[in-house]
Protein backbone atom coordinates (compact mmCIF):
# COMPACT_ATOMS: atom_id res chain seq x y z
CA MET A 1 -4.12 -24.37 -1.44
CA ASN A 2 -3.28 -21.17 1.04
CA LYS A 3 -0.25 -20.15 1.46
CA ASN A 4 2.15 -19.89 4.72
CA ILE A 5 3.52 -17.11 6.60
CA THR A 6 7.11 -17.41 4.61
CA GLU A 7 5.14 -17.33 0.94
CA ILE A 8 3.01 -14.40 2.36
CA ALA A 9 5.93 -12.60 3.30
CA TYR A 10 8.16 -12.93 0.62
CA SER A 11 5.36 -12.30 -2.14
CA ARG A 12 4.65 -8.77 0.41
CA TYR A 13 8.79 -8.49 -0.06
CA LEU A 14 8.73 -8.54 -3.89
CA THR A 15 5.62 -6.62 -4.22
CA ARG A 16 7.63 -3.73 -1.96
CA GLU A 17 10.19 -4.11 -4.29
CA GLU A 18 8.10 -3.37 -7.27
CA ILE A 19 6.64 -0.45 -6.19
CA LYS A 20 9.36 1.02 -3.50
CA ASP A 21 10.42 3.54 -6.53
CA ASP A 22 6.90 4.74 -7.59
CA PHE A 23 5.71 5.40 -3.98
CA LEU A 24 8.69 7.44 -3.45
CA ARG A 25 7.95 9.54 -6.45
CA ILE A 26 4.48 9.91 -5.89
CA PHE A 27 3.65 10.62 -2.43
CA LYS A 28 7.42 11.46 -1.63
CA VAL A 29 7.86 9.49 1.33
CA PRO A 30 9.61 5.88 1.59
CA LEU A 31 7.01 3.04 1.60
CA ASN A 32 9.65 1.36 4.11
CA LYS A 33 9.13 0.63 8.06
CA LYS A 34 6.32 3.66 8.01
CA PHE A 35 4.00 2.06 5.71
CA PHE A 36 5.00 -1.33 5.08
CA ASN A 37 6.86 -4.89 6.90
CA ASN A 38 6.78 -7.75 5.53
CA LEU A 39 5.32 -9.80 7.68
CA THR A 40 2.17 -7.37 8.41
CA GLY A 41 1.93 -5.97 4.83
CA PHE A 42 0.80 -2.46 4.34
CA ASP A 43 -0.38 0.19 7.28
CA VAL A 44 -3.81 1.42 6.27
CA ILE A 45 -4.46 3.33 9.54
CA ALA A 46 -0.96 4.87 8.74
CA PHE A 47 -1.07 5.46 5.43
CA ASP A 48 -4.93 7.28 6.31
CA GLU A 49 -3.30 8.91 8.58
CA PHE A 50 -0.27 10.50 6.39
CA ILE A 51 -2.96 11.26 4.23
CA GLN A 52 -5.11 13.14 5.88
CA PRO A 53 -8.79 12.47 4.15
CA GLU A 54 -10.87 15.25 4.57
CA GLU A 55 -14.51 15.11 6.41
CA ASN A 56 -16.74 12.86 4.64
CA GLU A 57 -13.72 12.28 1.78
CA SER A 58 -12.75 8.64 1.21
CA THR A 59 -9.10 7.93 1.23
CA TYR A 60 -8.86 6.55 -2.10
CA GLU A 61 -10.74 10.29 -2.61
CA ALA A 62 -8.32 12.28 -0.70
CA ILE A 63 -4.86 10.51 -2.96
CA THR A 64 -6.85 11.25 -6.24
CA ARG A 65 -7.04 14.55 -5.27
CA LYS A 66 -3.25 14.98 -3.76
CA TYR A 67 -1.58 12.76 -5.59
CA GLY A 68 -3.98 12.15 -9.01
CA GLN A 69 -4.86 8.62 -10.13
CA GLU A 70 -1.77 7.35 -10.74
CA GLY A 71 -1.44 7.42 -7.04
CA GLU A 72 -4.49 5.69 -6.56
CA ASP A 73 -4.15 3.45 -9.13
CA LEU A 74 -0.70 2.46 -7.22
CA ILE A 75 -2.57 2.10 -3.60
CA LYS A 76 -5.18 0.26 -5.60
CA LYS A 77 -2.45 -2.12 -6.42
CA LEU A 78 -0.70 -2.65 -3.24
CA MET A 79 -4.13 -3.88 -1.64
CA LYS A 80 -5.10 -6.22 -4.25
CA THR A 81 -1.41 -8.10 -3.64
CA GLU A 82 -2.62 -7.65 0.17
CA SER A 83 -5.82 -9.25 -0.39
CA ASP A 84 -4.53 -11.96 -2.44
CA ASN A 85 -1.97 -12.66 -0.09
CA LEU A 86 -4.73 -13.26 2.39
CA LEU A 87 -7.19 -14.77 0.35
CA ASN A 88 -5.07 -17.59 -1.49
């Protein structure tokens, strides 16, 4: 069964509330507004611009280089939740 927009927005809200403190601690910027919206989800483009990967470096590689495995794991968790919302 596909989720309706209200269910997706609520799921995104719960995800944001779950990870916002860790996101701030790791990346030193708040998750709200700049990178996340309950209706549109995680803004990958804005986050990529914030991370500024080097030439020929993936965003995940840049996250790991700058913020360690904990930063990469947090973003992967966020991205998995986003894909789960859209696919389920």
